[in-house]
Amino acid sequence: MYEPSTHPPLPRALFIQRLLQHGGVVLALVAVSLAVGMLGYVEFEHLAPLDAFLNAAMLLGGMGPVDMPRTPAGKLFAGFYALYAGLLFLVTAGIVLAPVLHRVLHKFHWDNER
């Protein structure tokens, strides 16, 4: 996916394009995750769509739910969704940081080989 260490680092314009592509992947992941969270809260907790959005967004943002789950299925969903949200944070951070870290390491090794 990335250029090998034998090639020069990408020009700035291509690097920015790569960053935007990674940002697009992250936005898609967050949008799908938010939709799944909303669907779960509507289905299992019978919340209105706006309340479901608020709860799912708060969990994805690391703040915790606004409405405490009342049903056993809702409690299970909220627990698993919270675990998923924590994992999603780590995955999205990795996706966003990967091109930056690759560029730093690539420049470091490219400069040493010259």
Foldseek 3Di string as FASTA:
>chain_A
DADDLVDAHDPPVVLVVLLVVLVVVLVVVLVVLLVVQLVQCCVQQVDDSVLSSQQSVCLLVVNHGPDDGDDPSSNVVSVVSSVVSVVSVVVSVCSNCVSVVVRVVSVVSNVVVD
